[in-house]
Amino acid sequence: MVPDEIQVDHEAIKRLGEKFLSLADMHVSPWLAKVPSSTINPGAFADADDLRLAFNNRRDALGEGLANIVEAIYDIGNTLVVVSKRYEKVDGDTASVAADLDALFERVREDLPGIKL
C-alpha cells in the first residue's frame, strides 16, 4: 500500500549531512595530514633511489586520492545540510532539491573520477 503523501524528515537529512562532515573532519582529514610527511630512507644500495622514487610516487597518489575523498565527503555533507533546509521551506515543489542533488552527483564525479553513481 502506497501512502497518500510522503513525509520528508528534514532533520534526519540534516543529521546525515552533519555525520558526513564529521567523518571528513574526524577520520579522513587526520590521515590526509599525515601523508605528506611520510618518508623512507632506504640507505645506500643499488635500487635505493628507485625504491625512494616509487614510495614518493605512491605517497603522492595516496595524498591526492585522500584529498579527493575528503572533498567528496564535504560536498555530500554540505549538500545534505542545504537540502534539509530547502525541505523545510518546500511546499510540494521539490525541483530545487532535485537540482541540488543532481549538482552533487556531478561534483562527486569530478572529485572521484571513475566513480559510478
N, C-alpha and C. Protein backbone atom coordinates (compact mmCIF):
# COMPACT_ATOMS: atom_id res chain seq x y z
N MET A 1 0.85 -1.18 0.00
CA MET A 1 0.00 0.00 0.00
C MET A 1 0.89 1.24 0.00
N VAL A 2 0.62 2.15 -0.89
CA VAL A 2 1.39 3.38 -1.02
C VAL A 2 0.70 4.49 -0.24
N PRO A 3 1.46 5.19 0.60
CA PRO A 3 0.83 6.29 1.35
C PRO A 3 0.41 7.41 0.40
N ASP A 4 -0.62 8.15 0.83
CA ASP A 4 -1.10 9.27 0.02
C ASP A 4 -0.07 10.37 -0.08
N GLU A 5 0.68 10.57 0.96
CA GLU A 5 1.65 11.66 0.98
C GLU A 5 2.94 11.17 1.63
N ILE A 6 4.05 11.50 1.01
CA ILE A 6 5.35 11.13 1.55
C ILE A 6 5.85 12.27 2.42
N GLN A 7 6.26 11.93 3.63
CA GLN A 7 6.78 12.93 4.55
C GLN A 7 8.30 12.86 4.55
N VAL A 8 8.94 13.99 4.36
CA VAL A 8 10.39 14.07 4.38
C VAL A 8 10.83 14.57 5.75
N ASP A 9 11.74 13.86 6.36
CA ASP A 9 12.26 14.23 7.67
C ASP A 9 13.52 15.08 7.44
N HIS A 10 13.34 16.39 7.35
CA HIS A 10 14.46 17.27 7.03
C HIS A 10 15.51 17.26 8.14
N GLU A 11 15.09 17.01 9.38
CA GLU A 11 16.07 16.93 10.48
C GLU A 11 16.97 15.71 10.31
N ALA A 12 16.40 14.60 9.86
CA ALA A 12 17.21 13.40 9.64
C ALA A 12 18.20 13.63 8.49
N ILE A 13 17.78 14.33 7.47
CA ILE A 13 18.68 14.66 6.35
C ILE A 13 19.81 15.55 6.85
N LYS A 14 19.47 16.52 7.68
CA LYS A 14 20.50 17.41 8.24
C LYS A 14 21.49 16.62 9.09
N ARG A 15 20.99 15.73 9.94
CA ARG A 15 21.89 14.92 10.78
C ARG A 15 22.80 14.04 9.93
N LEU A 16 22.27 13.50 8.85
CA LEU A 16 23.10 12.69 7.95
C LEU A 16 24.20 13.54 7.34
N GLY A 17 23.86 14.75 6.89
CA GLY A 17 24.87 15.66 6.36
C GLY A 17 25.94 15.98 7.39
N GLU A 18 25.53 16.22 8.60
CA GLU A 18 26.49 16.52 9.68
C GLU A 18 27.38 15.32 9.97
N LYS A 19 26.85 14.11 9.85
CA LYS A 19 27.66 12.91 10.05
C LYS A 19 28.73 12.79 8.96
N PHE A 20 28.38 13.14 7.73
CA PHE A 20 29.38 13.13 6.66
C PHE A 20 30.48 14.15 6.96
N LEU A 21 30.10 15.34 7.38
CA LEU A 21 31.09 16.36 7.70
C LEU A 21 31.99 15.92 8.85
N SER A 22 31.40 15.28 9.85
CA SER A 22 32.17 14.78 10.97
C SER A 22 33.12 13.66 10.53
N LEU A 23 32.66 12.82 9.63
CA LEU A 23 33.50 11.76 9.10
C LEU A 23 34.76 12.34 8.46
N ALA A 24 34.57 13.37 7.64
CA ALA A 24 35.71 14.00 6.99
C ALA A 24 36.64 14.64 8.01
N ASP A 25 36.08 15.37 8.95
CA ASP A 25 36.89 16.10 9.93
C ASP A 25 37.62 15.18 10.90
N MET A 26 36.94 14.16 11.37
CA MET A 26 37.50 13.36 12.47
C MET A 26 38.24 12.11 12.02
N HIS A 27 37.94 11.62 10.82
CA HIS A 27 38.51 10.34 10.45
C HIS A 27 39.37 10.36 9.19
N VAL A 28 38.99 11.11 8.19
CA VAL A 28 39.75 11.08 6.93
C VAL A 28 40.81 12.18 6.90
N SER A 29 40.45 13.39 7.25
CA SER A 29 41.40 14.51 7.21
C SER A 29 42.65 14.28 8.06
N PRO A 30 42.53 13.71 9.27
CA PRO A 30 43.75 13.46 10.05
C PRO A 30 44.74 12.53 9.33
N TRP A 31 44.22 11.54 8.62
CA TRP A 31 45.12 10.65 7.87
C TRP A 31 45.72 11.39 6.69
N LEU A 32 44.93 12.21 6.05
CA LEU A 32 45.44 13.00 4.93
C LEU A 32 46.58 13.89 5.38
N ALA A 33 46.48 14.46 6.56
CA ALA A 33 47.52 15.35 7.08
C ALA A 33 48.84 14.62 7.30
N LYS A 34 48.78 13.31 7.54
CA LYS A 34 50.00 12.54 7.80
C LYS A 34 50.73 12.12 6.53
N VAL A 35 50.04 12.11 5.41
CA VAL A 35 50.63 11.58 4.19
C VAL A 35 51.86 12.35 3.72
N PRO A 36 51.82 13.68 3.63
CA PRO A 36 52.99 14.39 3.09
C PRO A 36 54.28 14.18 3.88
N SER A 37 54.17 13.91 5.17
CA SER A 37 55.38 13.76 5.98
C SER A 37 55.92 12.33 5.97
N SER A 38 55.26 11.44 5.27
CA SER A 38 55.72 10.05 5.19
C SER A 38 56.96 9.97 4.30
N THR A 39 58.00 9.37 4.84
CA THR A 39 59.25 9.23 4.08
C THR A 39 59.86 7.86 4.35
N ILE A 40 60.74 7.50 3.46
CA ILE A 40 61.58 6.32 3.71
C ILE A 40 63.01 6.71 3.40
N ASN A 41 63.91 6.09 4.09
CA ASN A 41 65.34 6.29 3.86
C ASN A 41 65.97 4.92 3.69
N PRO A 42 65.92 4.41 2.45
CA PRO A 42 66.34 3.03 2.23
C PRO A 42 67.85 2.80 2.36
N GLY A 43 68.61 3.85 2.46
CA GLY A 43 70.06 3.66 2.59
C GLY A 43 70.76 3.75 1.25
N ALA A 44 71.93 3.14 1.22
CA ALA A 44 72.76 3.21 0.01
C ALA A 44 72.94 1.82 -0.56
N PHE A 45 72.11 1.48 -1.50
CA PHE A 45 72.28 0.22 -2.23
C PHE A 45 71.79 0.46 -3.65
N ALA A 46 71.98 -0.47 -4.51
CA ALA A 46 71.77 -0.28 -5.94
C ALA A 46 70.38 0.26 -6.28
N ASP A 47 69.36 -0.23 -5.65
CA ASP A 47 67.99 0.17 -6.01
C ASP A 47 67.36 1.16 -5.04
N ALA A 48 68.16 1.74 -4.18
CA ALA A 48 67.63 2.65 -3.15
C ALA A 48 66.91 3.84 -3.76
N ASP A 49 67.50 4.46 -4.76
CA ASP A 49 66.86 5.62 -5.38
C ASP A 49 65.54 5.23 -6.06
N ASP A 50 65.52 4.07 -6.71
CA ASP A 50 64.27 3.60 -7.34
C ASP A 50 63.20 3.33 -6.28
N LEU A 51 63.60 2.75 -5.17
CA LEU A 51 62.66 2.48 -4.09
C LEU A 51 62.11 3.78 -3.52
N ARG A 52 62.98 4.74 -3.27
CA ARG A 52 62.55 6.04 -2.75
C ARG A 52 61.59 6.72 -3.73
N LEU A 53 61.91 6.69 -5.02
CA LEU A 53 61.06 7.31 -6.04
C LEU A 53 59.70 6.62 -6.10
N ALA A 54 59.70 5.28 -6.07
CA ALA A 54 58.44 4.54 -6.10
C ALA A 54 57.59 4.87 -4.88
N PHE A 55 58.21 4.92 -3.72
CA PHE A 55 57.49 5.27 -2.49
C PHE A 55 56.90 6.67 -2.59
N ASN A 56 57.71 7.63 -3.02
CA ASN A 56 57.23 9.01 -3.12
C ASN A 56 56.07 9.13 -4.10
N ASN A 57 56.15 8.42 -5.22
CA ASN A 57 55.05 8.46 -6.20
C ASN A 57 53.77 7.88 -5.61
N ARG A 58 53.89 6.77 -4.91
CA ARG A 58 52.72 6.15 -4.27
C ARG A 58 52.17 7.05 -3.17
N ARG A 59 53.05 7.64 -2.39
CA ARG A 59 52.64 8.55 -1.32
C ARG A 59 51.86 9.73 -1.91
N ASP A 60 52.37 10.31 -2.98
CA ASP A 60 51.70 11.45 -3.60
C ASP A 60 50.35 11.05 -4.17
N ALA A 61 50.27 9.86 -4.78
CA ALA A 61 48.99 9.37 -5.31
C ALA A 61 47.99 9.13 -4.18
N LEU A 62 48.47 8.58 -3.07
CA LEU A 62 47.60 8.38 -1.91
C LEU A 62 47.09 9.72 -1.39
N GLY A 63 47.97 10.70 -1.28
CA GLY A 63 47.56 12.03 -0.82
C GLY A 63 46.51 12.64 -1.73
N GLU A 64 46.71 12.51 -3.03
CA GLU A 64 45.73 13.06 -3.98
C GLU A 64 44.39 12.33 -3.86
N GLY A 65 44.45 11.01 -3.75
CA GLY A 65 43.21 10.24 -3.62
C GLY A 65 42.46 10.58 -2.34
N LEU A 66 43.17 10.66 -1.22
CA LEU A 66 42.51 11.02 0.04
C LEU A 66 41.95 12.44 -0.01
N ALA A 67 42.67 13.36 -0.64
CA ALA A 67 42.16 14.73 -0.76
C ALA A 67 40.87 14.75 -1.57
N ASN A 68 40.81 13.95 -2.62
CA ASN A 68 39.59 13.86 -3.42
C ASN A 68 38.44 13.25 -2.63
N ILE A 69 38.75 12.26 -1.81
CA ILE A 69 37.72 11.64 -0.98
C ILE A 69 37.19 12.65 0.05
N VAL A 70 38.09 13.39 0.68
CA VAL A 70 37.68 14.41 1.65
C VAL A 70 36.78 15.44 0.96
N GLU A 71 37.17 15.88 -0.22
CA GLU A 71 36.36 16.87 -0.96
C GLU A 71 34.97 16.30 -1.26
N ALA A 72 34.91 15.05 -1.68
CA ALA A 72 33.62 14.43 -1.99
C ALA A 72 32.75 14.31 -0.73
N ILE A 73 33.37 13.93 0.38
CA ILE A 73 32.61 13.80 1.63
C ILE A 73 32.07 15.16 2.07
N TYR A 74 32.90 16.21 1.95
CA TYR A 74 32.42 17.56 2.28
C TYR A 74 31.29 17.98 1.35
N ASP A 75 31.43 17.69 0.06
CA ASP A 75 30.36 18.03 -0.89
C ASP A 75 29.06 17.35 -0.49
N ILE A 76 29.13 16.08 -0.16
CA ILE A 76 27.93 15.33 0.24
C ILE A 76 27.34 15.91 1.51
N GLY A 77 28.16 16.11 2.53
CA GLY A 77 27.67 16.63 3.80
C GLY A 77 27.05 18.01 3.67
N ASN A 78 27.77 18.91 3.00
CA ASN A 78 27.25 20.28 2.84
C ASN A 78 25.97 20.30 2.03
N THR A 79 25.90 19.50 0.98
CA THR A 79 24.69 19.47 0.16
C THR A 79 23.50 18.92 0.94
N LEU A 80 23.73 17.89 1.73
CA LEU A 80 22.62 17.35 2.53
C LEU A 80 22.11 18.37 3.54
N VAL A 81 23.00 19.16 4.13
CA VAL A 81 22.56 20.21 5.07
C VAL A 81 21.73 21.25 4.33
N VAL A 82 22.19 21.65 3.13
CA VAL A 82 21.43 22.63 2.33
C VAL A 82 20.08 22.05 1.93
N VAL A 83 20.07 20.79 1.49
CA VAL A 83 18.82 20.14 1.08
C VAL A 83 17.84 20.07 2.26
N SER A 84 18.36 19.79 3.45
CA SER A 84 17.46 19.71 4.61
C SER A 84 16.80 21.07 4.87
N LYS A 85 17.55 22.15 4.67
CA LYS A 85 16.98 23.49 4.86
C LYS A 85 15.94 23.79 3.78
N ARG A 86 16.22 23.34 2.56
CA ARG A 86 15.25 23.58 1.48
C ARG A 86 13.96 22.80 1.73
N TYR A 87 14.09 21.58 2.23
CA TYR A 87 12.90 20.77 2.52
C TYR A 87 12.03 21.40 3.60
N GLU A 88 12.64 22.17 4.48
CA GLU A 88 11.84 22.87 5.50
C GLU A 88 10.89 23.86 4.83
N LYS A 89 11.36 24.46 3.72
CA LYS A 89 10.62 25.54 3.08
C LYS A 89 9.83 25.09 1.86
N VAL A 90 10.12 23.89 1.35
CA VAL A 90 9.46 23.40 0.13
C VAL A 90 8.00 23.10 0.43
N ASP A 91 7.17 23.49 -0.49
CA ASP A 91 5.74 23.23 -0.33
C ASP A 91 5.26 22.42 -1.54
N GLY A 92 5.75 21.20 -1.64
CA GLY A 92 5.32 20.34 -2.74
C GLY A 92 6.21 20.42 -3.97
N ASP A 93 6.93 21.52 -4.17
CA ASP A 93 7.79 21.67 -5.34
C ASP A 93 9.21 21.30 -4.95
N THR A 94 9.63 20.15 -5.36
CA THR A 94 10.96 19.65 -4.99
C THR A 94 11.98 19.82 -6.11
N ALA A 95 11.67 20.61 -7.11
CA ALA A 95 12.59 20.79 -8.25
C ALA A 95 13.93 21.35 -7.81
N SER A 96 13.92 22.30 -6.88
CA SER A 96 15.19 22.89 -6.44
C SER A 96 16.03 21.87 -5.65
N VAL A 97 15.36 21.02 -4.90
CA VAL A 97 16.06 19.98 -4.16
C VAL A 97 16.66 18.98 -5.14
N ALA A 98 15.90 18.60 -6.14
CA ALA A 98 16.40 17.67 -7.16
C ALA A 98 17.59 18.28 -7.89
N ALA A 99 17.55 19.56 -8.17
CA ALA A 99 18.66 20.23 -8.84
C ALA A 99 19.91 20.22 -7.95
N ASP A 100 19.73 20.44 -6.65
CA ASP A 100 20.86 20.37 -5.71
C ASP A 100 21.49 18.98 -5.72
N LEU A 101 20.66 17.95 -5.73
CA LEU A 101 21.18 16.59 -5.71
C LEU A 101 21.85 16.23 -7.04
N ASP A 102 21.29 16.69 -8.15
CA ASP A 102 21.94 16.47 -9.45
C ASP A 102 23.32 17.13 -9.48
N ALA A 103 23.40 18.35 -8.97
CA ALA A 103 24.69 19.06 -8.92
C ALA A 103 25.67 18.33 -8.01
N LEU A 104 25.17 17.76 -6.92
CA LEU A 104 26.02 16.99 -6.02
C LEU A 104 26.62 15.80 -6.75
N PHE A 105 25.81 15.06 -7.51
CA PHE A 105 26.33 13.91 -8.24
C PHE A 105 27.45 14.33 -9.19
N GLU A 106 27.28 15.46 -9.84
CA GLU A 106 28.32 15.95 -10.75
C GLU A 106 29.60 16.30 -10.00
N ARG A 107 29.47 16.96 -8.84
CA ARG A 107 30.65 17.32 -8.05
C ARG A 107 31.38 16.07 -7.55
N VAL A 108 30.62 15.07 -7.12
CA VAL A 108 31.25 13.84 -6.64
C VAL A 108 31.95 13.13 -7.80
N ARG A 109 31.35 13.14 -8.99
CA ARG A 109 32.02 12.56 -10.16
C ARG A 109 33.31 13.29 -10.48
N GLU A 110 33.33 14.60 -10.29
CA GLU A 110 34.55 15.37 -10.51
C GLU A 110 35.60 15.08 -9.43
N ASP A 111 35.15 14.96 -8.18
CA ASP A 111 36.06 14.68 -7.07
C ASP A 111 36.65 13.28 -7.17
N LEU A 112 35.84 12.34 -7.61
CA LEU A 112 36.25 10.93 -7.67
C LEU A 112 36.06 10.38 -9.08
N PRO A 113 36.97 10.74 -9.98
CA PRO A 113 36.84 10.27 -11.36
C PRO A 113 36.74 8.74 -11.40
N GLY A 114 35.84 8.26 -12.22
CA GLY A 114 35.67 6.82 -12.36
C GLY A 114 34.58 6.23 -11.48
N ILE A 115 34.08 7.03 -10.51
CA ILE A 115 33.00 6.50 -9.65
C ILE A 115 31.73 6.39 -10.47
N LYS A 116 30.99 5.36 -10.21
CA LYS A 116 29.73 5.16 -10.92
C LYS A 116 28.58 5.48 -9.98
N LEU A 117 27.82 6.50 -10.31
CA LEU A 117 26.66 6.90 -9.49
C LEU A 117 25.39 6.69 -10.27
